Amino acid sequence: MQALTFKMRVLLFLYSTQNLLGSCLAILGLGMYFTGVISDWWLPIVAGLYSVAWLAIPADKELELQIKNENSQSSLTESVDTLIRESKSRLPHEAVERLGRIQTTLQELAPKMYSGEVAMNYVSLLINAVNRDLPQTIKNYVLLPTAFATMHVIENGKTCKQLLLEQLDLLETQLAKIATDIYKNNADSLVINGEFLKEKFHTTTFVQ
């Protein structure tokens, strides 16, 4: 799960119930000082009033976890968006279309993946496929001369273009099946489709 940025941690602190209540109590203490209710030791009293909120109210871990999940979901879908944007000029249009469909499936699937309804090992499997193997495969492909990628046969009578489209078809198909398994809460089928994706989808080097 993606770590929170420093900016996000600051915002979480500022908007936390503890800080808001503590600030109110501290302002109350300052009001007592300026109206003459207290004079000596006013600063420790104000600090103490602020601290009461942190001692009385437990940290809102649920909110932090929710924000982490939202960041992770965004990272998962944005990685494909970035991949399409940066590489579409060097990819065959068939590959760009497949990447677009993969992105749509991920946008629908991401909230479920981070809701706790899916075992973390399958979440990790999908993250690795989308954030590691897919970008590396695309990178390896776009480095090839276009004529070589589309015309030269390199493996099992297939060109690099055909191998790329084959891998994208595999990822697209398995993501769709996994999404169906999750929405239908079909644990057995999820295991089968997850293991198939793990075994069959991997980084393709095209040339050795």
C-alpha atoms as a PDB file:
ATOM      1  CA  MET A   1       0.000   0.000   0.000  1.00  0.00           C
ATOM      2  CA  GLN A   2       1.386   3.409  -0.973  1.00  0.00           C
ATOM      3  CA  ALA A   3       2.879   5.519   1.847  1.00  0.00           C
ATOM      4  CA  LEU A   4       1.234   8.871   2.600  1.00  0.00           C
ATOM      5  CA  THR A   5       3.091  11.975   1.462  1.00  0.00           C
ATOM      6  CA  PHE A   6       4.293  14.554   3.992  1.00  0.00           C
ATOM      7  CA  LYS A   7       1.676  17.023   2.714  1.00  0.00           C
ATOM      8  CA  MET A   8      -1.099  14.471   3.200  1.00  0.00           C
ATOM      9  CA  ARG A   9       0.104  13.674   6.736  1.00  0.00           C
ATOM     10  CA  VAL A  10       0.062  17.394   7.595  1.00  0.00           C
ATOM     11  CA  LEU A  11      -3.488  17.712   6.256  1.00  0.00           C
ATOM     12  CA  LEU A  12      -4.561  14.639   8.227  1.00  0.00           C
ATOM     13  CA  PHE A  13      -3.129  16.250  11.370  1.00  0.00           C
ATOM     14  CA  LEU A  14      -4.764  19.630  10.756  1.00  0.00           C
ATOM     15  CA  TYR A  15      -8.187  18.124  10.074  1.00  0.00           C
ATOM     16  CA  SER A  16      -8.036  15.496  12.807  1.00  0.00           C
ATOM     17  CA  THR A  17     -10.668  15.568  15.538  1.00  0.00           C
ATOM     18  CA  GLN A  18      -7.911  15.749  18.154  1.00  0.00           C
ATOM     19  CA  ASN A  19      -6.355  18.881  16.623  1.00  0.00           C
ATOM     20  CA  LEU A  20      -9.689  20.643  16.062  1.00  0.00           C
ATOM     21  CA  LEU A  21     -10.915  19.978  19.599  1.00  0.00           C
ATOM     22  CA  GLY A  22      -7.499  20.717  21.069  1.00  0.00           C
ATOM     23  CA  SER A  23      -7.370  24.047  19.237  1.00  0.00           C
ATOM     24  CA  CYS A  24     -10.806  24.969  20.595  1.00  0.00           C
ATOM     25  CA  LEU A  25      -9.718  24.147  24.139  1.00  0.00           C
ATOM     26  CA  ALA A  26      -6.476  26.091  23.679  1.00  0.00           C
ATOM     27  CA  ILE A  27      -8.413  29.129  22.408  1.00  0.00           C
ATOM     28  CA  LEU A  28     -10.657  28.820  25.469  1.00  0.00           C
ATOM     29  CA  GLY A  29      -7.541  28.869  27.632  1.00  0.00           C
ATOM     30  CA  LEU A  30      -6.219  31.968  25.861  1.00  0.00           C
ATOM     31  CA  GLY A  31      -9.593  33.615  26.359  1.00  0.00           C
ATOM     32  CA  MET A  32      -9.355  32.911  30.079  1.00  0.00           C
ATOM     33  CA  TYR A  33      -5.859  34.457  30.134  1.00  0.00           C
ATOM     34  CA  PHE A  34      -6.830  37.644  28.274  1.00  0.00           C
ATOM     35  CA  THR A  35      -9.927  38.122  30.447  1.00  0.00           C
ATOM     36  CA  GLY A  36      -7.890  37.750  33.619  1.00  0.00           C
ATOM     37  CA  VAL A  37      -9.383  34.460  34.787  1.00  0.00           C
ATOM     38  CA  ILE A  38      -5.885  32.975  34.829  1.00  0.00           C
ATOM     39  CA  SER A  39      -2.527  34.752  34.907  1.00  0.00           C
ATOM     40  CA  ASP A  40       0.318  32.642  36.285  1.00  0.00           C
ATOM     41  CA  TRP A  41       1.226  29.471  34.425  1.00  0.00           C
ATOM     42  CA  TRP A  42      -1.109  30.402  31.582  1.00  0.00           C
ATOM     43  CA  LEU A  43       1.109  28.859  28.899  1.00  0.00           C
ATOM     44  CA  PRO A  44       1.287  25.353  30.495  1.00  0.00           C
ATOM     45  CA  ILE A  45      -2.479  25.558  31.109  1.00  0.00           C
ATOM     46  CA  VAL A  46      -3.181  26.333  27.441  1.00  0.00           C
ATOM     47  CA  ALA A  47      -0.823  23.559  26.324  1.00  0.00           C
ATOM     48  CA  GLY A  48      -2.460  21.191  28.798  1.00  0.00           C
ATOM     49  CA  LEU A  49      -5.936  21.992  27.471  1.00  0.00           C
ATOM     50  CA  TYR A  50      -4.731  21.253  23.939  1.00  0.00           C
ATOM     51  CA  SER A  51      -3.206  17.966  25.105  1.00  0.00           C
ATOM     52  CA  VAL A  52      -6.482  16.856  26.702  1.00  0.00           C
ATOM     53  CA  ALA A  53      -7.998  16.332  23.259  1.00  0.00           C
ATOM     54  CA  TRP A  54      -5.172  14.001  22.208  1.00  0.00           C
ATOM     55  CA  LEU A  55      -5.469  12.001  25.421  1.00  0.00           C
ATOM     56  CA  ALA A  56      -9.266  11.805  25.344  1.00  0.00           C
ATOM     57  CA  ILE A  57      -9.860  10.980  21.678  1.00  0.00           C
ATOM     58  CA  PRO A  58      -8.249   7.967  19.966  1.00  0.00           C
ATOM     59  CA  ALA A  59      -6.430   8.511  16.676  1.00  0.00           C
ATOM     60  CA  ASP A  60      -8.659   8.190  13.616  1.00  0.00           C
ATOM     61  CA  LYS A  61      -6.812   5.269  12.021  1.00  0.00           C
ATOM     62  CA  GLU A  62      -9.830   4.428   9.896  1.00  0.00           C
ATOM     63  CA  LEU A  63      -9.628   7.787   8.111  1.00  0.00           C
ATOM     64  CA  GLU A  64      -5.896   7.385   7.517  1.00  0.00           C
ATOM     65  CA  LEU A  65      -6.442   3.900   6.129  1.00  0.00           C
ATOM     66  CA  GLN A  66      -9.211   5.185   3.846  1.00  0.00           C
ATOM     67  CA  ILE A  67      -6.944   7.914   2.473  1.00  0.00           C
ATOM     68  CA  LYS A  68      -4.132   5.412   1.950  1.00  0.00           C
ATOM     69  CA  ASN A  69      -6.534   3.207   0.033  1.00  0.00           C
ATOM     70  CA  GLU A  70      -7.703   6.107  -2.117  1.00  0.00           C
ATOM     71  CA  ASN A  71      -4.084   6.996  -2.892  1.00  0.00           C
ATOM     72  CA  SER A  72      -3.351   3.378  -3.832  1.00  0.00           C
ATOM     73  CA  GLN A  73      -6.420   3.170  -6.071  1.00  0.00           C
ATOM     74  CA  SER A  74      -5.424   6.388  -7.790  1.00  0.00           C
ATOM     75  CA  SER A  75      -1.859   5.161  -8.251  1.00  0.00           C
ATOM     76  CA  LEU A  76      -3.047   1.896  -9.806  1.00  0.00           C
ATOM     77  CA  THR A  77      -5.271   3.535 -12.426  1.00  0.00           C
ATOM     78  CA  GLU A  78      -3.021   6.519 -13.084  1.00  0.00           C
ATOM     79  CA  SER A  79      -0.068   4.245 -13.893  1.00  0.00           C
ATOM     80  CA  VAL A  80      -1.940   2.880 -16.923  1.00  0.00           C
ATOM     81  CA  ASP A  81      -3.051   6.390 -17.893  1.00  0.00           C
ATOM     82  CA  THR A  82       0.574   7.553 -17.804  1.00  0.00           C
ATOM     83  CA  LEU A  83       1.656   4.488 -19.761  1.00  0.00           C
ATOM     84  CA  ILE A  84      -0.877   5.211 -22.517  1.00  0.00           C
ATOM     85  CA  ARG A  85      -0.024   8.901 -22.649  1.00  0.00           C
ATOM     86  CA  GLU A  86       3.735   8.383 -22.848  1.00  0.00           C
ATOM     87  CA  SER A  87       3.843   5.439 -25.244  1.00  0.00           C
ATOM     88  CA  LYS A  88       0.786   5.595 -27.504  1.00  0.00           C
ATOM     89  CA  SER A  89       2.690   7.291 -30.341  1.00  0.00           C
ATOM     90  CA  ARG A  90       5.009   4.264 -30.561  1.00  0.00           C
ATOM     91  CA  LEU A  91       2.401   1.554 -30.034  1.00  0.00           C
ATOM     92  CA  PRO A  92       0.103  -0.050 -32.597  1.00  0.00           C
ATOM     93  CA  HIS A  93      -3.429   1.334 -32.306  1.00  0.00           C
ATOM     94  CA  GLU A  94      -4.683  -2.150 -31.382  1.00  0.00           C
ATOM     95  CA  ALA A  95      -2.442  -2.063 -28.294  1.00  0.00           C
ATOM     96  CA  VAL A  96      -3.649   1.425 -27.295  1.00  0.00           C
ATOM     97  CA  GLU A  97      -7.263   0.245 -27.538  1.00  0.00           C
ATOM     98  CA  ARG A  98      -6.513  -2.739 -25.313  1.00  0.00           C
ATOM     99  CA  LEU A  99      -4.741  -0.546 -22.759  1.00  0.00           C
ATOM    100  CA  GLY A 100      -7.793   1.730 -22.685  1.00  0.00           C
ATOM    101  CA  ARG A 101     -10.072  -1.196 -21.898  1.00  0.00           C
ATOM    102  CA  ILE A 102      -7.642  -2.449 -19.248  1.00  0.00           C
ATOM    103  CA  GLN A 103      -7.685   1.005 -17.644  1.00  0.00           C
ATOM    104  CA  THR A 104     -11.499   1.030 -17.579  1.00  0.00           C
ATOM    105  CA  THR A 105     -11.588  -2.384 -15.895  1.00  0.00           C
ATOM    106  CA  LEU A 106      -9.043  -1.250 -13.307  1.00  0.00           C
ATOM    107  CA  GLN A 107     -11.073   1.883 -12.517  1.00  0.00           C
ATOM    108  CA  GLU A 108     -14.071  -0.329 -11.787  1.00  0.00           C
ATOM    109  CA  LEU A 109     -12.032  -2.925  -9.922  1.00  0.00           C
ATOM    110  CA  ALA A 110      -9.795  -0.719  -7.753  1.00  0.00           C
ATOM    111  CA  PRO A 111     -12.385   0.201  -5.057  1.00  0.00           C
ATOM    112  CA  LYS A 112     -13.174  -3.477  -4.513  1.00  0.00           C
ATOM    113  CA  MET A 113      -9.495  -4.411  -4.376  1.00  0.00           C
ATOM    114  CA  TYR A 114      -8.810  -2.011  -1.508  1.00  0.00           C
ATOM    115  CA  SER A 115     -12.053  -2.527   0.406  1.00  0.00           C
ATOM    116  CA  GLY A 116     -10.720  -5.559   2.276  1.00  0.00           C
ATOM    117  CA  GLU A 117     -12.958  -7.939   0.320  1.00  0.00           C
ATOM    118  CA  VAL A 118     -10.048  -9.327  -1.706  1.00  0.00           C
ATOM    119  CA  ALA A 119      -7.126 -11.224  -0.178  1.00  0.00           C
ATOM    120  CA  MET A 120      -3.968  -9.099  -0.191  1.00  0.00           C
ATOM    121  CA  ASN A 121      -1.995 -11.719  -2.129  1.00  0.00           C
ATOM    122  CA  TYR A 122      -4.320 -11.226  -5.110  1.00  0.00           C
ATOM    123  CA  VAL A 123      -4.193  -7.455  -4.722  1.00  0.00           C
ATOM    124  CA  SER A 124      -0.382  -7.676  -4.799  1.00  0.00           C
ATOM    125  CA  LEU A 125      -0.537  -9.964  -7.835  1.00  0.00           C
ATOM    126  CA  LEU A 126      -2.627  -7.449  -9.779  1.00  0.00           C
ATOM    127  CA  ILE A 127      -0.486  -4.517  -8.668  1.00  0.00           C
ATOM    128  CA  ASN A 128       2.666  -6.295  -9.852  1.00  0.00           C
ATOM    129  CA  ALA A 129       1.063  -7.161 -13.187  1.00  0.00           C
ATOM    130  CA  VAL A 130      -0.137  -3.593 -13.807  1.00  0.00           C
ATOM    131  CA  ASN A 131       2.624  -1.507 -12.203  1.00  0.00           C
ATOM    132  CA  ARG A 132       5.653  -3.695 -12.960  1.00  0.00           C
ATOM    133  CA  ASP A 133       5.226  -6.259 -15.738  1.00  0.00           C
ATOM    134  CA  LEU A 134       2.953  -4.235 -18.028  1.00  0.00           C
ATOM    135  CA  PRO A 135       5.073  -1.028 -18.069  1.00  0.00           C
ATOM    136  CA  GLN A 136       8.277  -3.007 -18.566  1.00  0.00           C
ATOM    137  CA  THR A 137       6.754  -4.972 -21.448  1.00  0.00           C
ATOM    138  CA  ILE A 138       5.579  -1.750 -23.111  1.00  0.00           C
ATOM    139  CA  LYS A 139       8.987  -0.148 -22.569  1.00  0.00           C
ATOM    140  CA  ASN A 140      10.737  -3.121 -24.150  1.00  0.00           C
ATOM    141  CA  TYR A 141       8.413  -2.935 -27.156  1.00  0.00           C
ATOM    142  CA  VAL A 142       8.693   0.801 -27.887  1.00  0.00           C
ATOM    143  CA  LEU A 143      12.494   0.537 -27.972  1.00  0.00           C
ATOM    144  CA  LEU A 144      12.236  -1.722 -31.028  1.00  0.00           C
ATOM    145  CA  PRO A 145      12.277  -0.357 -34.598  1.00  0.00           C
ATOM    146  CA  THR A 146       8.702  -0.322 -35.901  1.00  0.00           C
ATOM    147  CA  ALA A 147       9.509  -2.433 -38.975  1.00  0.00           C
ATOM    148  CA  PHE A 148      11.257  -5.058 -36.840  1.00  0.00           C
ATOM    149  CA  ALA A 149       8.396  -5.197 -34.320  1.00  0.00           C
ATOM    150  CA  THR A 150       5.708  -5.637 -36.960  1.00  0.00           C
ATOM    151  CA  MET A 151       7.458  -7.809 -39.544  1.00  0.00           C
ATOM    152  CA  HIS A 152      10.223  -9.922 -37.984  1.00  0.00           C
ATOM    153  CA  VAL A 153       9.191 -13.309 -36.555  1.00  0.00           C
ATOM    154  CA  ILE A 154      10.968 -14.021 -33.275  1.00  0.00           C
ATOM    155  CA  GLU A 155       9.056 -16.719 -31.362  1.00  0.00           C
ATOM    156  CA  ASN A 156       6.635 -19.497 -32.333  1.00  0.00           C
ATOM    157  CA  GLY A 157       6.016 -17.904 -35.719  1.00  0.00           C
ATOM    158  CA  LYS A 158       4.928 -14.610 -34.107  1.00  0.00           C
ATOM    159  CA  THR A 159       6.197 -11.057 -34.436  1.00  0.00           C
ATOM    160  CA  CYS A 160       6.851  -8.735 -31.483  1.00  0.00           C
ATOM    161  CA  LYS A 161       3.592  -6.940 -32.245  1.00  0.00           C
ATOM    162  CA  GLN A 162       1.654 -10.191 -32.116  1.00  0.00           C
ATOM    163  CA  LEU A 163       3.333 -11.181 -28.845  1.00  0.00           C
ATOM    164  CA  LEU A 164       2.526  -7.787 -27.331  1.00  0.00           C
ATOM    165  CA  LEU A 165      -1.136  -7.990 -28.321  1.00  0.00           C
ATOM    166  CA  GLU A 166      -1.256 -11.546 -27.007  1.00  0.00           C
ATOM    167  CA  GLN A 167       0.016 -10.437 -23.600  1.00  0.00           C
ATOM    168  CA  LEU A 168      -2.414  -7.493 -23.495  1.00  0.00           C
ATOM    169  CA  ASP A 169      -5.298  -9.798 -24.440  1.00  0.00           C
ATOM    170  CA  LEU A 170      -4.286 -12.133 -21.635  1.00  0.00           C
ATOM    171  CA  LEU A 171      -4.162  -9.331 -19.080  1.00  0.00           C
ATOM    172  CA  GLU A 172      -7.453  -7.836 -20.268  1.00  0.00           C
ATOM    173  CA  THR A 173      -9.254 -11.186 -20.235  1.00  0.00           C
ATOM    174  CA  GLN A 174      -7.980 -12.204 -16.804  1.00  0.00           C
ATOM    175  CA  LEU A 175      -8.744  -8.814 -15.269  1.00  0.00           C
ATOM    176  CA  ALA A 176     -12.312  -9.102 -16.560  1.00  0.00           C
ATOM    177  CA  LYS A 177     -12.621 -12.606 -15.106  1.00  0.00           C
ATOM    178  CA  ILE A 178     -11.138 -11.527 -11.776  1.00  0.00           C
ATOM    179  CA  ALA A 179     -13.544  -8.561 -11.646  1.00  0.00           C
ATOM    180  CA  THR A 180     -16.468 -10.935 -12.249  1.00  0.00           C
ATOM    181  CA  ASP A 181     -15.194 -13.292  -9.523  1.00  0.00           C
ATOM    182  CA  ILE A 182     -14.908 -10.440  -7.032  1.00  0.00           C
ATOM    183  CA  TYR A 183     -18.358  -9.029  -7.725  1.00  0.00           C
ATOM    184  CA  LYS A 184     -19.889 -12.501  -7.540  1.00  0.00           C
ATOM    185  CA  ASN A 185     -17.805 -13.309  -4.452  1.00  0.00           C
ATOM    186  CA  ASN A 186     -16.591 -16.475  -6.171  1.00  0.00           C
ATOM    187  CA  ALA A 187     -13.490 -17.301  -4.134  1.00  0.00           C
ATOM    188  CA  ASP A 188     -12.644 -20.571  -5.897  1.00  0.00           C
ATOM    189  CA  SER A 189     -12.764 -19.032  -9.360  1.00  0.00           C
ATOM    190  CA  LEU A 190     -10.722 -16.050  -8.120  1.00  0.00           C
ATOM    191  CA  VAL A 191      -7.962 -18.415  -7.029  1.00  0.00           C
ATOM    192  CA  ILE A 192      -7.930 -20.131 -10.429  1.00  0.00           C
ATOM    193  CA  ASN A 193      -7.927 -16.909 -12.462  1.00  0.00           C
ATOM    194  CA  GLY A 194      -5.415 -15.257 -10.154  1.00  0.00           C
ATOM    195  CA  GLU A 195      -2.982 -18.142 -10.444  1.00  0.00           C
ATOM    196  CA  PHE A 196      -3.444 -18.247 -14.229  1.00  0.00           C
ATOM    197  CA  LEU A 197      -2.566 -14.554 -14.474  1.00  0.00           C
ATOM    198  CA  LYS A 198       0.459 -15.053 -12.231  1.00  0.00           C
ATOM    199  CA  GLU A 199       1.706 -17.944 -14.353  1.00  0.00           C
ATOM    200  CA  LYS A 200       0.987 -16.579 -17.831  1.00  0.00           C
ATOM    201  CA  PHE A 201       1.370 -12.777 -17.633  1.00  0.00           C
ATOM    202  CA  HIS A 202       4.932 -11.621 -17.217  1.00  0.00           C
ATOM    203  CA  THR A 203       7.412  -9.087 -18.524  1.00  0.00           C
ATOM    204  CA  THR A 204       8.143  -9.760 -22.195  1.00  0.00           C
ATOM    205  CA  THR A 205      11.623  -8.909 -23.413  1.00  0.00           C
ATOM    206  CA  PHE A 206      10.917  -9.640 -27.137  1.00  0.00           C
ATOM    207  CA  VAL A 207      14.631  -9.880 -27.939  1.00  0.00           C
ATOM    208  CA  GLN A 208      17.403 -11.482 -25.914  1.00  0.00           C
END
